[in-house]
Amino acid sequence: MKRCWKKFAAAFMVVIFSITLTSCATIMGDKSQTIGLKSTPGGATVKIVDENSSEVFVGETPTTVTLEKSDGSYWGGKRYSIEVTKTGYETMHFEVKATANGWYLFGNLLFGGIIGWFIIDPFSGAMYNLTPEQIEATLPDASTMLEENGQRTLSIVLVENVPQELLPMMKRLN
């Protein structure tokens, strides 16, 4: 009976030790994520570059692309810039960025603890989710931005679809 108890205690210690060497986001998450890309009209060219200006994907909508969540460094969440273009339509820009997921934030309370929060998960990349997970670009016709009969036309777009360099020029209307 004593021998059986010792084996059980040893197995239990191995399990506990294994749990301390892992963390929740690393157990439950992946190092990459698939993002869906659609456009209206379809057949637009999609170009994705990362935070280092390295081109990681060029394709045509509709498509999906698998992107890395981390650059492999400590707290190295990735960030991507996406450009959607089609002849005769305005170019649209989107940003996809890594944010901490629920497994990292709350799962480490149960499994990984301090080791999970500050050592394993920040290196693995599994602690991140890329957002948004789906991009649907409605490309405005380029002619709607031109003057017609001496008058400017108005195009309404979501603020998140406005290129970063144009945001400072925007004025609130209400």
N, C-alpha and C. Protein backbone atom coordinates (compact mmCIF):
# COMPACT_ATOMS: atom_id res chain seq x y z
N MET A 1 0.83 -1.20 0.00
CA MET A 1 0.00 0.00 0.00
C MET A 1 0.87 1.26 0.00
N LYS A 2 1.96 1.20 0.79
CA LYS A 2 2.86 2.34 0.86
C LYS A 2 3.50 2.63 -0.50
N ARG A 3 3.86 1.57 -1.20
CA ARG A 3 4.51 1.70 -2.49
C ARG A 3 3.55 2.33 -3.51
N CYS A 4 2.30 1.93 -3.48
CA CYS A 4 1.27 2.48 -4.38
C CYS A 4 1.08 3.97 -4.09
N TRP A 5 1.07 4.33 -2.84
CA TRP A 5 0.90 5.74 -2.44
C TRP A 5 2.09 6.58 -2.95
N LYS A 6 3.28 6.05 -2.88
CA LYS A 6 4.47 6.78 -3.35
C LYS A 6 4.40 7.00 -4.86
N LYS A 7 3.94 5.98 -5.60
CA LYS A 7 3.80 6.12 -7.06
C LYS A 7 2.76 7.19 -7.40
N PHE A 8 1.66 7.16 -6.67
CA PHE A 8 0.61 8.16 -6.89
C PHE A 8 1.13 9.56 -6.59
N ALA A 9 1.83 9.73 -5.49
CA ALA A 9 2.39 11.03 -5.11
C ALA A 9 3.39 11.51 -6.15
N ALA A 10 4.21 10.60 -6.66
CA ALA A 10 5.19 10.97 -7.68
C ALA A 10 4.49 11.41 -8.96
N ALA A 11 3.47 10.66 -9.39
CA ALA A 11 2.72 11.02 -10.60
C ALA A 11 2.02 12.36 -10.41
N PHE A 12 1.45 12.57 -9.24
CA PHE A 12 0.78 13.84 -8.95
C PHE A 12 1.76 15.01 -9.02
N MET A 13 2.95 14.84 -8.50
CA MET A 13 3.98 15.90 -8.53
C MET A 13 4.41 16.18 -9.97
N VAL A 14 4.50 15.15 -10.80
CA VAL A 14 4.86 15.35 -12.20
C VAL A 14 3.80 16.18 -12.91
N VAL A 15 2.52 15.89 -12.65
CA VAL A 15 1.42 16.65 -13.25
C VAL A 15 1.48 18.10 -12.79
N ILE A 16 1.63 18.33 -11.50
CA ILE A 16 1.70 19.70 -10.96
C ILE A 16 2.89 20.43 -11.55
N PHE A 17 4.04 19.79 -11.64
CA PHE A 17 5.23 20.41 -12.21
C PHE A 17 5.01 20.76 -13.68
N SER A 18 4.35 19.88 -14.42
CA SER A 18 4.05 20.13 -15.84
C SER A 18 3.15 21.33 -16.00
N ILE A 19 2.16 21.46 -15.14
CA ILE A 19 1.25 22.60 -15.22
C ILE A 19 1.99 23.89 -14.95
N THR A 20 2.94 23.88 -14.03
CA THR A 20 3.67 25.12 -13.74
C THR A 20 4.60 25.52 -14.88
N LEU A 21 4.95 24.58 -15.75
CA LEU A 21 5.82 24.91 -16.88
C LEU A 21 5.03 25.33 -18.12
N THR A 22 3.73 25.29 -18.04
CA THR A 22 2.90 25.75 -19.14
C THR A 22 2.06 26.90 -18.65
N SER A 23 1.27 27.45 -19.54
CA SER A 23 0.36 28.51 -19.14
C SER A 23 -0.88 28.41 -20.00
N CYS A 24 -1.93 29.04 -19.57
CA CYS A 24 -3.23 28.78 -20.15
C CYS A 24 -3.33 29.17 -21.62
N ALA A 25 -2.88 30.34 -22.00
CA ALA A 25 -2.99 30.75 -23.40
C ALA A 25 -2.15 29.86 -24.30
N THR A 26 -1.00 29.43 -23.82
CA THR A 26 -0.15 28.55 -24.61
C THR A 26 -0.80 27.18 -24.79
N ILE A 27 -1.51 26.71 -23.76
CA ILE A 27 -2.21 25.43 -23.85
C ILE A 27 -3.40 25.54 -24.80
N MET A 28 -4.18 26.60 -24.67
CA MET A 28 -5.46 26.72 -25.38
C MET A 28 -5.37 27.46 -26.72
N GLY A 29 -4.32 28.23 -26.94
CA GLY A 29 -4.27 29.08 -28.12
C GLY A 29 -3.33 28.58 -29.20
N ASP A 30 -3.33 29.29 -30.32
CA ASP A 30 -2.45 28.99 -31.45
C ASP A 30 -1.51 30.17 -31.65
N LYS A 31 -0.42 29.93 -32.37
CA LYS A 31 0.55 30.98 -32.65
C LYS A 31 0.17 31.79 -33.89
N SER A 32 -0.81 31.30 -34.65
CA SER A 32 -1.27 32.01 -35.84
C SER A 32 -2.79 32.01 -35.87
N GLN A 33 -3.35 32.85 -36.74
CA GLN A 33 -4.80 32.99 -36.82
C GLN A 33 -5.19 33.28 -38.27
N THR A 34 -6.32 32.72 -38.69
CA THR A 34 -6.81 32.94 -40.05
C THR A 34 -7.77 34.12 -40.06
N ILE A 35 -7.53 35.05 -40.97
CA ILE A 35 -8.34 36.25 -41.14
C ILE A 35 -9.04 36.16 -42.49
N GLY A 36 -10.34 36.44 -42.52
CA GLY A 36 -11.10 36.45 -43.76
C GLY A 36 -11.12 37.83 -44.38
N LEU A 37 -11.01 37.91 -45.70
CA LEU A 37 -10.99 39.18 -46.42
C LEU A 37 -11.99 39.12 -47.57
N LYS A 38 -12.95 40.04 -47.57
CA LYS A 38 -13.95 40.14 -48.64
C LYS A 38 -14.02 41.58 -49.10
N SER A 39 -14.49 41.78 -50.31
CA SER A 39 -14.69 43.15 -50.79
C SER A 39 -15.91 43.21 -51.69
N THR A 40 -16.48 44.41 -51.74
CA THR A 40 -17.54 44.72 -52.69
C THR A 40 -17.04 45.91 -53.48
N PRO A 41 -16.79 45.77 -54.75
CA PRO A 41 -16.93 44.58 -55.58
C PRO A 41 -15.81 43.59 -55.29
N GLY A 42 -16.05 42.32 -55.64
CA GLY A 42 -15.05 41.28 -55.47
C GLY A 42 -13.90 41.44 -56.44
N GLY A 43 -12.88 40.65 -56.25
CA GLY A 43 -11.74 40.68 -57.15
C GLY A 43 -10.77 41.82 -56.90
N ALA A 44 -10.86 42.44 -55.72
CA ALA A 44 -9.92 43.52 -55.38
C ALA A 44 -8.59 42.91 -54.94
N THR A 45 -7.53 43.66 -55.14
CA THR A 45 -6.20 43.22 -54.73
C THR A 45 -6.00 43.56 -53.26
N VAL A 46 -5.49 42.58 -52.51
CA VAL A 46 -5.21 42.76 -51.08
C VAL A 46 -3.71 42.65 -50.88
N LYS A 47 -3.15 43.63 -50.18
CA LYS A 47 -1.72 43.62 -49.85
C LYS A 47 -1.61 43.79 -48.33
N ILE A 48 -0.88 42.89 -47.70
CA ILE A 48 -0.70 42.94 -46.25
C ILE A 48 0.78 43.10 -45.94
N VAL A 49 1.10 44.10 -45.12
CA VAL A 49 2.47 44.31 -44.63
C VAL A 49 2.44 44.32 -43.11
N ASP A 50 3.53 43.86 -42.50
CA ASP A 50 3.59 43.84 -41.04
C ASP A 50 4.20 45.13 -40.50
N GLU A 51 4.40 45.16 -39.19
CA GLU A 51 4.90 46.38 -38.53
C GLU A 51 6.32 46.75 -38.95
N ASN A 52 7.04 45.82 -39.59
CA ASN A 52 8.38 46.09 -40.10
C ASN A 52 8.37 46.45 -41.58
N SER A 53 7.19 46.70 -42.13
CA SER A 53 6.99 47.02 -43.55
C SER A 53 7.37 45.86 -44.47
N SER A 54 7.36 44.64 -43.93
CA SER A 54 7.62 43.46 -44.75
C SER A 54 6.30 42.97 -45.33
N GLU A 55 6.29 42.75 -46.64
CA GLU A 55 5.09 42.26 -47.30
C GLU A 55 4.90 40.79 -46.94
N VAL A 56 3.74 40.46 -46.36
CA VAL A 56 3.48 39.09 -45.94
C VAL A 56 2.44 38.38 -46.80
N PHE A 57 1.66 39.15 -47.59
CA PHE A 57 0.63 38.52 -48.42
C PHE A 57 0.20 39.48 -49.52
N VAL A 58 -0.02 38.93 -50.71
CA VAL A 58 -0.67 39.64 -51.80
C VAL A 58 -1.63 38.63 -52.42
N GLY A 59 -2.88 39.04 -52.59
CA GLY A 59 -3.87 38.15 -53.16
C GLY A 59 -5.07 38.92 -53.66
N GLU A 60 -6.14 38.20 -53.92
CA GLU A 60 -7.36 38.79 -54.46
C GLU A 60 -8.56 38.35 -53.62
N THR A 61 -9.50 39.28 -53.41
CA THR A 61 -10.69 38.96 -52.62
C THR A 61 -11.68 38.17 -53.45
N PRO A 62 -12.47 37.31 -52.82
CA PRO A 62 -12.44 36.92 -51.40
C PRO A 62 -11.32 35.92 -51.14
N THR A 63 -10.76 35.98 -49.94
CA THR A 63 -9.67 35.09 -49.58
C THR A 63 -9.56 34.98 -48.07
N THR A 64 -8.75 34.06 -47.63
CA THR A 64 -8.37 33.99 -46.21
C THR A 64 -6.86 33.95 -46.17
N VAL A 65 -6.30 34.43 -45.07
CA VAL A 65 -4.86 34.43 -44.90
C VAL A 65 -4.56 34.08 -43.44
N THR A 66 -3.53 33.28 -43.23
CA THR A 66 -3.11 32.92 -41.88
C THR A 66 -1.93 33.81 -41.50
N LEU A 67 -2.11 34.54 -40.41
CA LEU A 67 -1.10 35.50 -39.95
C LEU A 67 -0.56 35.09 -38.59
N GLU A 68 0.72 35.34 -38.39
CA GLU A 68 1.35 35.09 -37.09
C GLU A 68 0.85 36.13 -36.09
N LYS A 69 0.64 35.71 -34.83
CA LYS A 69 0.15 36.61 -33.80
C LYS A 69 1.28 37.34 -33.08
N SER A 70 2.48 36.77 -33.10
CA SER A 70 3.61 37.34 -32.37
C SER A 70 4.86 37.32 -33.23
N ASP A 71 5.77 38.26 -32.95
CA ASP A 71 7.04 38.27 -33.67
C ASP A 71 8.11 37.43 -32.98
N GLY A 72 7.74 36.76 -31.88
CA GLY A 72 8.67 35.88 -31.17
C GLY A 72 9.45 36.55 -30.07
N SER A 73 9.32 37.87 -29.96
CA SER A 73 10.01 38.57 -28.89
C SER A 73 9.10 38.69 -27.67
N TYR A 74 9.65 39.11 -26.56
CA TYR A 74 8.88 39.27 -25.33
C TYR A 74 7.82 40.35 -25.54
N TRP A 75 6.55 40.05 -25.31
CA TRP A 75 5.40 40.93 -25.54
C TRP A 75 5.37 41.40 -26.99
N GLY A 76 5.73 40.54 -27.92
CA GLY A 76 5.88 40.93 -29.32
C GLY A 76 4.63 40.72 -30.16
N GLY A 77 3.51 41.30 -29.78
CA GLY A 77 2.30 41.19 -30.58
C GLY A 77 2.47 41.83 -31.95
N LYS A 78 1.95 41.16 -32.97
CA LYS A 78 2.09 41.65 -34.34
C LYS A 78 1.03 42.70 -34.67
N ARG A 79 1.34 43.49 -35.68
CA ARG A 79 0.43 44.50 -36.22
C ARG A 79 0.57 44.47 -37.74
N TYR A 80 -0.56 44.47 -38.43
CA TYR A 80 -0.55 44.39 -39.89
C TYR A 80 -1.34 45.55 -40.48
N SER A 81 -0.87 46.06 -41.61
CA SER A 81 -1.61 47.05 -42.39
C SER A 81 -2.10 46.35 -43.65
N ILE A 82 -3.38 46.54 -43.94
CA ILE A 82 -3.99 45.89 -45.09
C ILE A 82 -4.49 46.96 -46.04
N GLU A 83 -4.14 46.81 -47.30
CA GLU A 83 -4.57 47.74 -48.35
C GLU A 83 -5.40 46.96 -49.35
N VAL A 84 -6.62 47.46 -49.63
CA VAL A 84 -7.52 46.82 -50.59
C VAL A 84 -7.70 47.79 -51.76
N THR A 85 -7.33 47.36 -52.97
CA THR A 85 -7.39 48.25 -54.14
C THR A 85 -8.09 47.55 -55.31
N LYS A 86 -8.72 48.38 -56.14
CA LYS A 86 -9.29 47.90 -57.40
C LYS A 86 -9.39 49.11 -58.32
N THR A 87 -9.02 48.92 -59.57
CA THR A 87 -9.08 50.01 -60.55
C THR A 87 -10.49 50.56 -60.64
N GLY A 88 -10.61 51.90 -60.56
CA GLY A 88 -11.90 52.57 -60.64
C GLY A 88 -12.57 52.77 -59.28
N TYR A 89 -11.90 52.32 -58.23
CA TYR A 89 -12.45 52.44 -56.87
C TYR A 89 -11.40 53.04 -55.94
N GLU A 90 -11.88 53.67 -54.89
CA GLU A 90 -10.98 54.23 -53.89
C GLU A 90 -10.28 53.10 -53.13
N THR A 91 -9.03 53.33 -52.77
CA THR A 91 -8.27 52.37 -51.97
C THR A 91 -8.72 52.46 -50.52
N MET A 92 -8.83 51.32 -49.87
CA MET A 92 -9.20 51.29 -48.45
C MET A 92 -8.05 50.68 -47.66
N HIS A 93 -7.88 51.17 -46.43
CA HIS A 93 -6.82 50.70 -45.53
C HIS A 93 -7.44 50.19 -44.25
N PHE A 94 -6.89 49.11 -43.74
CA PHE A 94 -7.34 48.52 -42.49
C PHE A 94 -6.12 48.16 -41.65
N GLU A 95 -6.32 48.08 -40.34
CA GLU A 95 -5.25 47.66 -39.46
C GLU A 95 -5.73 46.45 -38.67
N VAL A 96 -4.88 45.44 -38.59
CA VAL A 96 -5.14 44.26 -37.77
C VAL A 96 -4.06 44.24 -36.71
N LYS A 97 -4.46 44.10 -35.45
CA LYS A 97 -3.46 44.10 -34.39
C LYS A 97 -3.74 43.02 -33.36
N ALA A 98 -2.68 42.62 -32.69
CA ALA A 98 -2.77 41.59 -31.67
C ALA A 98 -3.19 42.22 -30.34
N THR A 99 -4.18 41.60 -29.70
CA THR A 99 -4.62 42.01 -28.37
C THR A 99 -4.66 40.77 -27.48
N ALA A 100 -4.47 40.95 -26.20
CA ALA A 100 -4.46 39.82 -25.27
C ALA A 100 -5.83 39.15 -25.24
N ASN A 101 -5.83 37.81 -25.26
CA ASN A 101 -7.10 37.07 -25.25
C ASN A 101 -7.52 36.68 -23.84
N GLY A 102 -8.71 36.15 -23.70
CA GLY A 102 -9.27 35.77 -22.41
C GLY A 102 -8.52 34.64 -21.73
N TRP A 103 -7.97 33.71 -22.51
CA TRP A 103 -7.19 32.63 -21.90
C TRP A 103 -5.96 33.19 -21.20
N TYR A 104 -5.36 34.19 -21.80
CA TYR A 104 -4.19 34.79 -21.15
C TYR A 104 -4.62 35.57 -19.92
N LEU A 105 -5.65 36.40 -20.07
CA LEU A 105 -6.05 37.27 -18.97
C LEU A 105 -6.62 36.50 -17.78
N PHE A 106 -7.51 35.53 -18.04
CA PHE A 106 -8.20 34.88 -16.94
C PHE A 106 -7.80 33.42 -16.75
N GLY A 107 -7.39 32.75 -17.81
CA GLY A 107 -7.00 31.35 -17.69
C GLY A 107 -5.78 31.13 -16.83
N ASN A 108 -4.89 32.10 -16.81
CA ASN A 108 -3.69 31.96 -15.99
C ASN A 108 -4.00 32.01 -14.50
N LEU A 109 -5.18 32.49 -14.14
CA LEU A 109 -5.59 32.41 -12.73
C LEU A 109 -5.70 30.95 -12.29
N LEU A 110 -6.14 30.08 -13.22
CA LEU A 110 -6.34 28.67 -12.90
C LEU A 110 -5.11 27.82 -13.17
N PHE A 111 -4.39 28.08 -14.28
CA PHE A 111 -3.34 27.17 -14.71
C PHE A 111 -1.93 27.74 -14.60
N GLY A 112 -1.67 28.85 -15.25
CA GLY A 112 -0.29 29.29 -15.41
C GLY A 112 0.26 30.18 -14.33
N GLY A 113 -0.62 30.95 -13.69
CA GLY A 113 -0.16 31.86 -12.64
C GLY A 113 0.85 32.87 -13.14
N ILE A 114 1.73 33.27 -12.25
CA ILE A 114 2.74 34.28 -12.56
C ILE A 114 3.65 33.84 -13.72
N ILE A 115 4.01 32.56 -13.72
CA ILE A 115 4.88 32.05 -14.79
C ILE A 115 4.18 32.19 -16.14
N GLY A 116 2.89 31.89 -16.17
CA GLY A 116 2.13 32.01 -17.42
C GLY A 116 1.99 33.45 -17.86
N TRP A 117 1.68 34.35 -16.91
CA TRP A 117 1.46 35.75 -17.26
C TRP A 117 2.73 36.44 -17.75
N PHE A 118 3.84 36.18 -17.08
CA PHE A 118 5.03 36.99 -17.33
C PHE A 118 6.18 36.29 -18.04
N ILE A 119 6.11 34.96 -18.22
CA ILE A 119 7.23 34.29 -18.86
C ILE A 119 6.80 33.54 -20.12
N ILE A 120 5.94 32.54 -19.98
CA ILE A 120 5.65 31.64 -21.10
C ILE A 120 4.76 32.28 -22.14
N ASP A 121 3.58 32.77 -21.75
CA ASP A 121 2.64 33.32 -22.73
C ASP A 121 3.17 34.53 -23.49
N PRO A 122 3.89 35.47 -22.87
CA PRO A 122 4.40 36.61 -23.65
C PRO A 122 5.39 36.21 -24.76
N PHE A 123 6.05 35.08 -24.63
CA PHE A 123 6.97 34.62 -25.68
C PHE A 123 6.26 33.80 -26.75
N SER A 124 5.22 33.06 -26.38
CA SER A 124 4.64 32.07 -27.30
C SER A 124 3.80 32.68 -28.42
N GLY A 125 3.15 33.81 -28.19
CA GLY A 125 2.26 34.39 -29.18
C GLY A 125 0.84 33.87 -29.06
N ALA A 126 0.66 32.77 -28.34
CA ALA A 126 -0.68 32.19 -28.17
C ALA A 126 -1.56 33.06 -27.27
N MET A 127 -0.98 34.02 -26.60
CA MET A 127 -1.75 34.89 -25.71
C MET A 127 -2.54 35.95 -26.48
N TYR A 128 -2.34 36.03 -27.78
CA TYR A 128 -2.96 37.09 -28.57
C TYR A 128 -4.09 36.59 -29.45
N ASN A 129 -5.02 37.47 -29.75
CA ASN A 129 -6.00 37.32 -30.81
C ASN A 129 -5.77 38.48 -31.77
N LEU A 130 -5.88 38.22 -33.05
CA LEU A 130 -5.80 39.29 -34.04
C LEU A 130 -7.19 39.84 -34.27
N THR A 131 -7.31 41.17 -34.22
CA THR A 131 -8.62 41.80 -34.45
C THR A 131 -8.47 42.91 -35.48
N PRO A 132 -9.44 43.03 -36.37
CA PRO A 132 -10.64 42.22 -36.51
C PRO A 132 -10.32 40.87 -37.16
N GLU A 133 -11.21 39.90 -36.94
CA GLU A 133 -11.03 38.55 -37.48
C GLU A 133 -11.53 38.45 -38.92
N GLN A 134 -12.39 39.37 -39.32
CA GLN A 134 -12.97 39.38 -40.67
C GLN A 134 -12.96 40.82 -41.17
N ILE A 135 -12.50 41.02 -42.40
CA ILE A 135 -12.52 42.35 -43.00
C ILE A 135 -13.41 42.31 -44.23
N GLU A 136 -14.38 43.21 -44.25
CA GLU A 136 -15.29 43.34 -45.39
C GLU A 136 -15.20 44.77 -45.89
N ALA A 137 -14.53 44.95 -47.00
CA ALA A 137 -14.29 46.28 -47.56
C ALA A 137 -15.31 46.59 -48.65
N THR A 138 -16.05 47.68 -48.47
CA THR A 138 -16.93 48.17 -49.52
C THR A 138 -16.21 49.34 -50.16
N LEU A 139 -15.68 49.11 -51.34
CA LEU A 139 -14.86 50.11 -52.01
C LEU A 139 -15.76 51.15 -52.68
N PRO A 140 -15.59 52.44 -52.31
CA PRO A 140 -16.38 53.48 -52.97
C PRO A 140 -15.88 53.72 -54.39
N ASP A 141 -16.82 53.95 -55.28
CA ASP A 141 -16.50 54.27 -56.67
C ASP A 141 -15.66 55.54 -56.69
N ALA A 142 -14.54 55.53 -57.40
CA ALA A 142 -13.63 56.68 -57.43
C ALA A 142 -14.31 57.93 -57.95
N SER A 143 -15.30 57.79 -58.80
CA SER A 143 -15.96 58.97 -59.37
C SER A 143 -16.81 59.71 -58.35
N THR A 144 -17.19 59.10 -57.24
CA THR A 144 -18.00 59.80 -56.24
C THR A 144 -17.19 60.85 -55.50
N MET A 145 -15.89 60.79 -55.61
CA MET A 145 -15.04 61.75 -54.92
C MET A 145 -14.71 62.96 -55.80
N LEU A 146 -15.14 62.94 -57.07
CA LEU A 146 -14.84 64.03 -57.99
C LEU A 146 -15.93 65.09 -57.95
N GLU A 147 -15.58 66.29 -58.40
CA GLU A 147 -16.58 67.35 -58.50
C GLU A 147 -17.47 67.08 -59.70
N GLU A 148 -18.78 67.28 -59.50
CA GLU A 148 -19.74 67.12 -60.59
C GLU A 148 -20.54 68.40 -60.71
N ASN A 149 -20.53 69.01 -61.88
CA ASN A 149 -21.25 70.28 -62.11
C ASN A 149 -20.84 71.35 -61.11
N GLY A 150 -19.55 71.38 -60.77
CA GLY A 150 -19.06 72.42 -59.87
C GLY A 150 -19.36 72.15 -58.41
N GLN A 151 -19.94 71.02 -58.08
CA GLN A 151 -20.26 70.72 -56.67
C GLN A 151 -19.52 69.46 -56.24
N ARG A 152 -19.16 69.46 -54.97
CA ARG A 152 -18.52 68.29 -54.39
C ARG A 152 -19.60 67.30 -53.97
N THR A 153 -19.35 66.04 -54.15
CA THR A 153 -20.26 65.02 -53.66
C THR A 153 -19.79 64.56 -52.28
N LEU A 154 -20.67 63.95 -51.55
CA LEU A 154 -20.37 63.51 -50.20
C LEU A 154 -20.33 61.99 -50.15
N SER A 155 -19.27 61.45 -49.56
CA SER A 155 -19.16 60.01 -49.32
C SER A 155 -19.12 59.80 -47.82
N ILE A 156 -19.92 58.88 -47.35
CA ILE A 156 -19.94 58.58 -45.92
C ILE A 156 -19.24 57.25 -45.71
N VAL A 157 -18.24 57.26 -44.83
CA VAL A 157 -17.47 56.05 -44.52
C VAL A 157 -17.34 55.93 -43.01
N LEU A 158 -17.06 54.74 -42.54
CA LEU A 158 -16.81 54.52 -41.13
C LEU A 158 -15.45 55.11 -40.76
N VAL A 159 -15.33 55.67 -39.56
CA VAL A 159 -14.07 56.26 -39.11
C VAL A 159 -12.95 55.23 -39.18
N GLU A 160 -13.25 53.95 -38.86
CA GLU A 160 -12.22 52.93 -38.88
C GLU A 160 -11.68 52.66 -40.28
N ASN A 161 -12.39 53.11 -41.31
CA ASN A 161 -11.94 52.91 -42.69
C ASN A 161 -11.22 54.13 -43.25
N VAL A 162 -11.08 55.18 -42.46
CA VAL A 162 -10.37 56.39 -42.89
C VAL A 162 -8.87 56.16 -42.70
N PRO A 163 -8.05 56.40 -43.71
CA PRO A 163 -6.60 56.24 -43.55
C PRO A 163 -6.07 57.10 -42.41
N GLN A 164 -5.09 56.57 -41.70
CA GLN A 164 -4.51 57.25 -40.53
C GLN A 164 -4.07 58.68 -40.86
N GLU A 165 -3.49 58.91 -42.04
CA GLU A 165 -2.97 60.23 -42.37
C GLU A 165 -4.08 61.26 -42.58
N LEU A 166 -5.32 60.82 -42.79
CA LEU A 166 -6.44 61.74 -42.98
C LEU A 166 -7.19 62.06 -41.68
N LEU A 167 -7.00 61.28 -40.64
CA LEU A 167 -7.73 61.49 -39.39
C LEU A 167 -7.52 62.89 -38.80
N PRO A 168 -6.32 63.45 -38.79
CA PRO A 168 -6.16 64.79 -38.22
C PRO A 168 -6.91 65.89 -38.99
N MET A 169 -7.23 65.63 -40.25
CA MET A 169 -7.93 66.64 -41.07
C MET A 169 -9.45 66.59 -40.87
N MET A 170 -9.94 65.59 -40.17
CA MET A 170 -11.38 65.45 -40.00
C MET A 170 -11.92 66.48 -39.02
N LYS A 171 -13.16 66.94 -39.25
CA LYS A 171 -13.83 67.88 -38.37
C LYS A 171 -15.16 67.28 -37.94
N ARG A 172 -15.44 67.37 -36.67
CA ARG A 172 -16.72 66.86 -36.14
C ARG A 172 -17.84 67.78 -36.58
N LEU A 173 -18.96 67.20 -37.04
CA LEU A 173 -20.08 68.00 -37.55
C LEU A 173 -21.14 68.29 -36.50
N ASN A 174 -21.24 67.52 -35.45
CA ASN A 174 -22.29 67.79 -34.45
C ASN A 174 -21.74 68.40 -33.21
